[in-house]
Amino acid sequence: MVKDYDYIVAGAGMVGAAIAAGLAAQGKRVLMLDGADTDLRAAKANFGLVWVQGKGYGNPHYQRLSRLAAQLWPAFAEELERETGITLDYEQRGGLHFCLGQAQWDERALRMRQWQAQAAETEPCIDMLDRGGLERLFPAIRWGAEVSGASFGQMDGHVNPLCLLAALQAAFISRGGELHSQQPVQDIQPQQGGGFLVHAGKEDRRAVYGASNVVLAAGLGSVALGPMVALDVPLRPQRGQLLVTERVAPLLPVPASGLRQTGEGTVMIGVTQEEVGYDLSTTTDAAVRMSRKALHVLPDLAGARWVRHWSCLRVMTPDGVPVYAESTQYPGAWTALCHSGVTLASFHAGPFARALAEGALPDSLEIFHHERFDVSQAA
């Protein structure tokens, strides 16, 4: 006998877990299906930034969405910690984007002015700090000689991404959801009259589940699943390499783009943006470039030892902007794809999940529909 659910969520990473937890909070019967630990998981190399500054440059709708998510984060984190007992190490005390040399500072200042103007109705949230301003704001830090200043995003923050994912999954289960690991979705069969049959697991242990709705949040795995429910979304992998140091004394009180000190005292350094297909290799060249840039900013890092170097694959749409859509051919099939799962977690678990539970996405998300990539329609 096939067990039926209101929603089956394909993918238990940052996006899928947030959506599933939000749906379970709405009283829906939800099954979340996850693959193997060796799958191409973007969460493996998540930097943990809750970031607004510069997000959605050239796309004011994405900027507004990022701002909304950041505004939702404090209450979202408080509720998640209270419900699960898992400490997220969430802080929202602002974030930095460093500039090395006057030319970089001038370029950054211009870009941030343009970014703000693209959503002119929103409150300004960026301060450009020259070297003196940076030293006054953080007088205890010894900056590298080449640091000319930074942009400071007032809405920015960071979180422990591993704890966030664990808390989302724990909240989902405590709310009555079912999580089946080692059961990647293999096939989705739309049923006549509505609903879906979902086949999951390996050949020797294949299981079949029924649901009124399916939500594709499987990252790069959605490339294979999307066509089954007429949700073809062009995606590409983008490799990001990271380094992490041993625990060191406090060096950086707020996160920065590509550089942050965690609650445990380790320093994360990254992140590369490499178009190398599905190659998950790490390279000495990337490690040297990342290390050198970090030392230009914080020369006191020179005494720290690197303890890990790894990589993962981001989920990238052609324009770098999220996709939210329902299948027009198979109503009840939805997709949610993005490369900013931490920042948008509060939105996915809150407004987005509530919209799914009500059966319709708001008009404000129409701009994120995957049909924007349909060249024939655009013509």
Protein backbone atom coordinates (compact mmCIF):
# COMPACT_ATOMS: atom_id res chain seq x y z
CA MET A 1 0.00 0.00 0.00
CA VAL A 2 1.34 3.42 -0.98
CA LYS A 3 1.50 5.92 1.87
CA ASP A 4 0.16 9.33 0.94
CA TYR A 5 1.40 12.76 2.02
CA ASP A 6 0.36 16.32 1.39
CA TYR A 7 3.89 17.20 0.23
CA ILE A 8 6.99 15.30 -0.73
CA VAL A 9 10.13 17.44 -0.70
CA ALA A 10 13.00 16.13 -2.82
CA GLY A 11 16.22 17.25 -1.14
CA ALA A 12 17.05 17.69 2.55
CA GLY A 13 19.73 20.35 2.18
CA MET A 14 19.45 23.96 3.25
CA VAL A 15 16.63 24.82 0.84
CA GLY A 16 14.64 21.61 1.11
CA ALA A 17 14.91 21.38 4.90
CA ALA A 18 13.76 24.98 5.38
CA ILE A 19 10.75 24.52 3.11
CA ALA A 20 9.85 21.16 4.65
CA ALA A 21 10.11 22.56 8.19
CA GLY A 22 7.88 25.45 7.20
CA LEU A 23 5.28 23.17 5.63
CA ALA A 24 5.25 20.92 8.70
CA ALA A 25 4.69 24.02 10.84
CA GLN A 26 1.52 24.61 8.80
CA GLY A 27 0.21 21.21 9.85
CA LYS A 28 0.91 19.52 6.52
CA ARG A 29 1.87 15.86 6.23
CA VAL A 30 5.35 16.11 4.74
CA LEU A 31 7.91 13.55 3.63
CA MET A 32 11.45 14.75 2.91
CA LEU A 33 13.60 12.43 0.80
CA ASP A 34 17.36 12.73 0.92
CA GLY A 35 20.17 11.14 -1.05
CA ALA A 36 23.56 9.83 -0.01
CA ASP A 37 26.27 11.73 1.82
CA THR A 38 28.37 11.50 -1.33
CA ASP A 39 25.82 13.45 -3.37
CA LEU A 40 26.72 16.88 -4.79
CA ARG A 41 25.61 18.89 -1.77
CA ALA A 42 26.05 22.66 -1.87
CA ALA A 43 25.71 22.70 1.95
CA LYS A 44 29.08 20.96 2.29
CA ALA A 45 30.90 24.17 1.43
CA ASN A 46 28.50 26.75 2.75
CA PHE A 47 30.24 29.84 4.08
CA GLY A 48 27.46 30.66 6.53
CA LEU A 49 26.83 34.27 5.53
CA VAL A 50 23.43 35.91 5.94
CA TRP A 51 24.21 38.53 3.35
CA VAL A 52 22.47 41.50 1.76
CA GLN A 53 25.06 43.99 0.50
CA GLY A 54 25.47 43.71 -3.25
CA LYS A 55 23.02 40.80 -3.49
CA GLY A 56 20.86 41.18 -6.56
CA TYR A 57 23.03 43.71 -8.37
CA GLY A 58 21.15 44.32 -11.61
CA ASN A 59 18.04 42.58 -10.23
CA PRO A 60 16.17 44.74 -7.67
CA HIS A 61 13.62 41.96 -7.04
CA TYR A 62 16.38 39.70 -5.75
CA GLN A 63 17.76 42.56 -3.68
CA ARG A 64 14.37 43.09 -2.05
CA LEU A 65 14.02 39.37 -1.40
CA SER A 66 17.43 39.26 0.29
CA ARG A 67 16.53 42.26 2.42
CA LEU A 68 13.25 40.62 3.45
CA ALA A 69 15.05 37.41 4.41
CA ALA A 70 17.60 39.31 6.51
CA GLN A 71 14.80 41.13 8.32
CA LEU A 72 13.11 37.80 9.10
CA TRP A 73 16.30 36.16 10.36
CA PRO A 74 16.40 37.33 14.03
CA ALA A 75 12.94 35.97 14.86
CA PHE A 76 13.53 32.89 12.70
CA ALA A 77 16.80 32.06 14.51
CA GLU A 78 15.27 32.66 17.94
CA GLU A 79 12.35 30.34 17.23
CA LEU A 80 14.57 27.62 15.77
CA GLU A 81 16.94 27.68 18.75
CA ARG A 82 14.09 27.64 21.24
CA GLU A 83 12.35 24.74 19.53
CA THR A 84 15.39 22.54 18.91
CA GLY A 85 17.85 23.53 21.62
CA ILE A 86 20.55 23.84 18.93
CA THR A 87 22.71 26.96 19.14
CA LEU A 88 23.06 28.55 15.72
CA ASP A 89 25.82 31.07 16.51
CA TYR A 90 23.77 33.61 14.61
CA GLU A 91 24.91 37.25 14.72
CA GLN A 92 23.70 40.27 12.79
CA ARG A 93 26.22 42.99 13.59
CA GLY A 94 27.04 43.96 10.02
CA GLY A 95 29.48 42.67 7.44
CA LEU A 96 32.48 43.92 5.47
CA HIS A 97 33.65 43.77 1.88
CA PHE A 98 37.33 44.75 1.86
CA CYS A 99 39.02 46.91 -0.75
CA LEU A 100 42.73 46.69 -1.49
CA GLY A 101 43.95 49.94 -3.00
CA GLN A 102 42.13 53.15 -3.88
CA ALA A 103 40.95 51.87 -7.27
CA GLN A 104 39.08 48.99 -5.63
CA TRP A 105 37.54 51.35 -3.08
CA ASP A 106 36.32 53.74 -5.78
CA GLU A 107 34.92 50.86 -7.83
CA ARG A 108 33.13 49.39 -4.80
CA ALA A 109 31.67 52.77 -3.83
CA LEU A 110 30.25 53.24 -7.33
CA ARG A 111 28.84 49.71 -7.42
CA MET A 112 27.12 50.12 -4.04
CA ARG A 113 25.58 53.44 -5.11
CA GLN A 114 24.23 51.78 -8.24
CA TRP A 115 22.99 48.78 -6.24
CA GLN A 116 21.11 51.01 -3.82
CA ALA A 117 19.60 53.05 -6.67
CA GLN A 118 18.22 49.88 -8.27
CA ALA A 119 15.87 49.52 -5.29
CA ALA A 120 15.64 53.19 -4.44
CA GLU A 121 12.51 52.79 -2.30
CA THR A 122 14.43 50.72 0.26
CA GLU A 123 16.36 52.14 3.18
CA PRO A 124 20.11 52.65 2.59
CA CYS A 125 22.05 49.93 4.38
CA ILE A 126 25.63 50.39 3.13
CA ASP A 127 28.35 52.60 4.54
CA MET A 128 31.58 53.11 2.62
CA LEU A 129 34.47 53.23 5.09
CA ASP A 130 37.86 54.57 4.09
CA ARG A 131 40.96 53.35 5.92
CA GLY A 132 40.43 55.83 8.74
CA GLY A 133 36.77 54.94 9.11
CA LEU A 134 37.59 51.24 9.24
CA GLU A 135 40.21 51.83 11.94
CA ARG A 136 37.83 53.93 14.01
CA LEU A 137 35.08 51.32 13.81
CA PHE A 138 37.43 48.45 14.68
CA PRO A 139 40.34 50.05 16.57
CA ALA A 140 41.70 46.78 17.96
CA ILE A 141 42.36 45.17 14.58
CA ARG A 142 45.68 45.41 12.74
CA TRP A 143 44.77 45.80 9.09
CA GLY A 144 47.12 45.01 6.23
CA ALA A 145 48.97 47.91 4.63
CA GLU A 146 47.06 47.50 1.34
CA VAL A 147 43.59 47.74 2.92
CA SER A 148 42.13 51.02 1.68
CA GLY A 149 38.75 50.54 3.35
CA ALA A 150 35.59 48.50 3.01
CA SER A 151 31.90 48.63 2.41
CA PHE A 152 29.96 47.89 5.60
CA GLY A 153 26.55 46.26 5.24
CA GLN A 154 24.38 47.03 8.25
CA MET A 155 21.98 44.14 7.57
CA ASP A 156 24.65 41.48 7.11
CA GLY A 157 25.50 38.68 9.52
CA HIS A 158 26.54 35.06 9.77
CA VAL A 159 25.55 31.71 11.26
CA ASN A 160 26.98 28.23 11.75
CA PRO A 161 25.63 26.53 8.60
CA LEU A 162 26.03 22.98 9.93
CA CYS A 163 24.05 23.83 13.06
CA LEU A 164 21.44 25.60 10.94
CA LEU A 165 20.92 22.53 8.76
CA ALA A 166 20.75 20.25 11.81
CA ALA A 167 18.22 22.57 13.46
CA LEU A 168 16.02 22.75 10.37
CA GLN A 169 15.92 18.98 10.09
CA ALA A 170 15.30 18.57 13.83
CA ALA A 171 12.46 21.13 13.74
CA PHE A 172 10.96 19.35 10.74
CA ILE A 173 10.89 16.03 12.60
CA SER A 174 9.59 17.56 15.83
CA ARG A 175 6.72 19.08 13.83
CA GLY A 176 5.66 15.65 12.61
CA GLY A 177 7.60 15.45 9.34
CA GLU A 178 9.24 12.26 8.07
CA LEU A 179 12.84 12.29 6.84
CA HIS A 180 14.10 9.32 4.84
CA SER A 181 17.84 9.38 4.21
CA GLN A 182 19.65 7.34 1.58
CA GLN A 183 16.50 7.49 -0.55
CA PRO A 184 17.16 9.81 -3.49
CA VAL A 185 14.20 10.44 -5.76
CA GLN A 186 14.51 8.38 -8.94
CA ASP A 187 11.22 8.98 -10.69
CA ILE A 188 8.14 11.20 -10.36
CA GLN A 189 4.94 10.09 -12.04
CA PRO A 190 2.09 12.61 -12.36
CA GLN A 191 -1.25 10.88 -11.83
CA GLN A 192 -4.39 11.35 -13.85
CA GLY A 193 -6.69 13.59 -11.86
CA GLY A 194 -3.85 15.07 -9.84
CA GLY A 195 -1.20 14.00 -7.40
CA PHE A 196 2.09 12.19 -7.88
CA LEU A 197 3.79 8.88 -7.29
CA VAL A 198 7.41 9.26 -6.25
CA HIS A 199 9.90 6.41 -6.58
CA ALA A 200 12.91 6.72 -4.31
CA GLY A 201 15.88 4.67 -3.17
CA LYS A 202 18.31 2.34 -4.87
CA GLU A 203 17.28 -0.41 -7.25
CA ASP A 204 17.33 -3.12 -4.59
CA ARG A 205 15.41 -1.00 -2.10
CA ARG A 206 13.01 1.06 -4.18
CA ALA A 207 10.05 2.58 -2.35
CA VAL A 208 6.97 4.32 -3.75
CA TYR A 209 5.20 7.22 -2.07
CA GLY A 210 2.13 9.24 -3.01
CA ALA A 211 1.55 12.95 -2.54
CA SER A 212 -0.74 15.73 -3.62
CA ASN A 213 2.30 17.98 -4.13
CA VAL A 214 6.00 17.54 -4.82
CA VAL A 215 8.64 20.19 -4.21
CA LEU A 216 11.94 19.93 -6.07
CA ALA A 217 14.66 21.38 -3.87
CA ALA A 218 17.40 18.95 -4.79
CA GLY A 219 19.91 21.49 -6.09
CA LEU A 220 21.85 20.15 -9.04
CA GLY A 221 19.86 16.92 -8.75
CA SER A 222 16.84 18.89 -9.94
CA VAL A 223 18.31 18.88 -13.46
CA ALA A 224 17.24 15.23 -13.81
CA LEU A 225 14.01 15.51 -11.82
CA GLY A 226 12.60 18.71 -13.31
CA PRO A 227 11.70 17.34 -16.76
CA MET A 228 9.58 14.63 -15.11
CA VAL A 229 7.08 17.31 -14.08
CA ALA A 230 7.71 19.92 -16.81
CA LEU A 231 9.97 22.04 -14.61
CA ASP A 232 13.07 22.18 -16.77
CA VAL A 233 15.48 24.69 -15.26
CA PRO A 234 18.91 25.29 -16.79
CA LEU A 235 21.44 24.88 -13.99
CA ARG A 236 25.19 24.72 -13.90
CA PRO A 237 27.64 23.79 -11.16
CA GLN A 238 30.13 26.37 -9.96
CA ARG A 239 33.01 25.14 -7.83
CA GLY A 240 33.86 26.95 -4.63
CA GLN A 241 36.99 26.10 -2.65
CA LEU A 242 37.42 26.96 1.03
CA LEU A 243 40.11 26.88 3.70
CA VAL A 244 39.70 26.79 7.45
CA THR A 245 42.31 27.42 10.14
CA GLU A 246 42.83 26.10 13.61
CA ARG A 247 41.18 28.01 16.46
CA VAL A 248 42.85 31.36 17.02
CA ALA A 249 42.35 34.37 19.27
CA PRO A 250 39.66 36.83 18.12
CA LEU A 251 40.76 38.59 14.93
CA LEU A 252 37.61 39.66 13.09
CA PRO A 253 34.47 40.64 15.04
CA VAL A 254 32.14 40.70 12.02
CA PRO A 255 32.02 38.51 8.90
CA ALA A 256 33.39 39.63 5.57
CA SER A 257 32.93 38.51 2.01
CA GLY A 258 35.35 35.60 1.74
CA LEU A 259 36.64 35.85 5.31
CA ARG A 260 34.97 35.18 8.65
CA GLN A 261 35.83 33.94 12.12
CA THR A 262 33.42 31.35 13.45
CA GLY A 263 32.00 31.08 16.95
CA GLU A 264 34.52 28.31 17.66
CA GLY A 265 37.42 30.60 16.76
CA THR A 266 38.40 29.05 13.45
CA VAL A 267 38.79 31.33 10.44
CA MET A 268 37.09 30.42 7.18
CA ILE A 269 38.64 31.70 3.97
CA GLY A 270 37.19 31.54 0.49
CA VAL A 271 35.45 31.33 -1.74
CA THR A 272 36.49 30.66 -5.34
CA GLN A 273 34.08 30.91 -8.25
CA GLU A 274 35.24 28.38 -10.84
CA GLU A 275 33.49 27.16 -13.96
CA VAL A 276 34.95 23.64 -14.09
CA GLY A 277 31.85 21.51 -14.46
CA TYR A 278 31.41 18.80 -11.86
CA ASP A 279 35.09 18.66 -10.88
CA LEU A 280 35.34 18.66 -7.07
CA SER A 281 39.13 18.78 -6.92
CA THR A 282 40.99 21.21 -4.70
CA THR A 283 43.96 23.06 -6.14
CA THR A 284 47.15 24.46 -4.67
CA ASP A 285 46.77 27.55 -6.84
CA ALA A 286 43.40 28.38 -5.27
CA ALA A 287 44.77 27.80 -1.77
CA VAL A 288 47.66 30.18 -2.45
CA ARG A 289 45.38 32.89 -3.88
CA MET A 290 42.89 32.67 -1.02
CA SER A 291 45.65 32.64 1.62
CA ARG A 292 47.46 35.57 0.06
CA LYS A 293 44.32 37.69 -0.11
CA ALA A 294 43.43 36.89 3.51
CA LEU A 295 46.91 37.87 4.68
CA HIS A 296 46.70 41.16 2.80
CA VAL A 297 43.66 41.94 4.95
CA LEU A 298 44.65 40.35 8.28
CA PRO A 299 48.44 39.89 8.49
CA ASP A 300 48.10 38.39 11.99
CA LEU A 301 46.69 35.27 10.31
CA ALA A 302 50.23 34.39 9.23
CA GLY A 303 50.78 32.37 12.39
CA ALA A 304 47.65 30.24 12.02
CA ARG A 305 47.77 26.72 10.60
CA TRP A 306 45.34 25.58 7.92
CA VAL A 307 43.54 22.41 9.00
CA ARG A 308 41.25 21.75 6.06
CA HIS A 309 40.87 22.58 2.37
CA TRP A 310 37.78 21.41 0.54
CA SER A 311 35.36 22.27 -2.24
CA CYS A 312 31.75 21.94 -3.27
CA LEU A 313 29.46 22.90 -6.14
CA ARG A 314 27.10 25.84 -6.08
CA VAL A 315 23.72 25.65 -7.77
CA MET A 316 23.76 28.39 -10.39
CA THR A 317 20.98 29.52 -12.71
CA PRO A 318 22.01 31.40 -15.89
CA ASP A 319 21.45 34.78 -14.21
CA GLY A 320 22.43 33.75 -10.67
CA VAL A 321 18.92 34.55 -9.41
CA PRO A 322 16.62 32.04 -7.62
CA VAL A 323 13.87 30.09 -9.33
CA TYR A 324 10.44 29.64 -7.73
CA ALA A 325 7.71 28.13 -9.86
CA GLU A 326 4.78 25.75 -10.11
CA SER A 327 4.49 23.49 -13.13
CA THR A 328 1.79 24.70 -15.51
CA GLN A 329 1.44 21.22 -16.99
CA TYR A 330 1.33 19.37 -13.67
CA PRO A 331 -0.18 21.60 -10.95
CA GLY A 332 1.09 20.68 -7.52
CA ALA A 333 4.67 20.25 -8.72
CA TRP A 334 6.90 23.06 -7.46
CA THR A 335 10.55 23.94 -7.62
CA ALA A 336 12.78 26.13 -5.46
CA LEU A 337 16.37 26.59 -6.56
CA CYS A 338 19.02 29.05 -5.43
CA HIS A 339 22.67 29.36 -4.40
CA SER A 340 21.86 31.44 -1.31
CA GLY A 341 20.23 28.86 0.92
CA VAL A 342 21.47 30.30 4.23
CA THR A 343 20.38 33.90 3.62
CA LEU A 344 17.02 32.80 2.21
CA ALA A 345 16.35 30.09 4.84
CA SER A 346 14.13 32.43 6.85
CA PHE A 347 12.08 33.20 3.75
CA HIS A 348 11.84 29.56 2.66
CA ALA A 349 10.71 28.38 6.10
CA GLY A 350 8.32 31.31 6.49
CA PRO A 351 6.53 33.18 3.67
CA PHE A 352 7.45 30.70 0.93
CA ALA A 353 6.31 27.63 2.88
CA ARG A 354 3.08 29.37 3.87
CA ALA A 355 2.40 30.22 0.23
CA LEU A 356 2.96 26.58 -0.78
CA ALA A 357 0.63 25.43 1.99
CA GLU A 358 -2.04 27.74 0.58
CA GLY A 359 -1.48 26.40 -2.92
CA ALA A 360 -0.34 29.52 -4.77
CA LEU A 361 2.79 31.64 -4.94
CA PRO A 362 2.33 35.39 -4.53
CA ASP A 363 2.53 37.64 -7.56
CA SER A 364 5.76 39.11 -6.19
CA LEU A 365 7.54 35.82 -6.98
CA GLU A 366 6.40 35.70 -10.61
CA ILE A 367 9.63 37.45 -11.61
CA PHE A 368 11.52 34.35 -10.38
CA HIS A 369 9.67 31.92 -12.65
CA HIS A 370 11.93 29.69 -14.74
CA GLU A 371 10.11 30.70 -17.94
CA ARG A 372 12.37 33.77 -17.99
CA PHE A 373 14.99 31.45 -19.51
CA ASP A 374 12.68 30.36 -22.34
CA VAL A 375 14.28 31.99 -25.39
CA SER A 376 11.34 31.15 -27.65
CA GLN A 377 8.92 33.03 -25.37
CA ALA A 378 11.29 35.95 -25.00
CA ALA A 379 11.45 36.27 -28.77
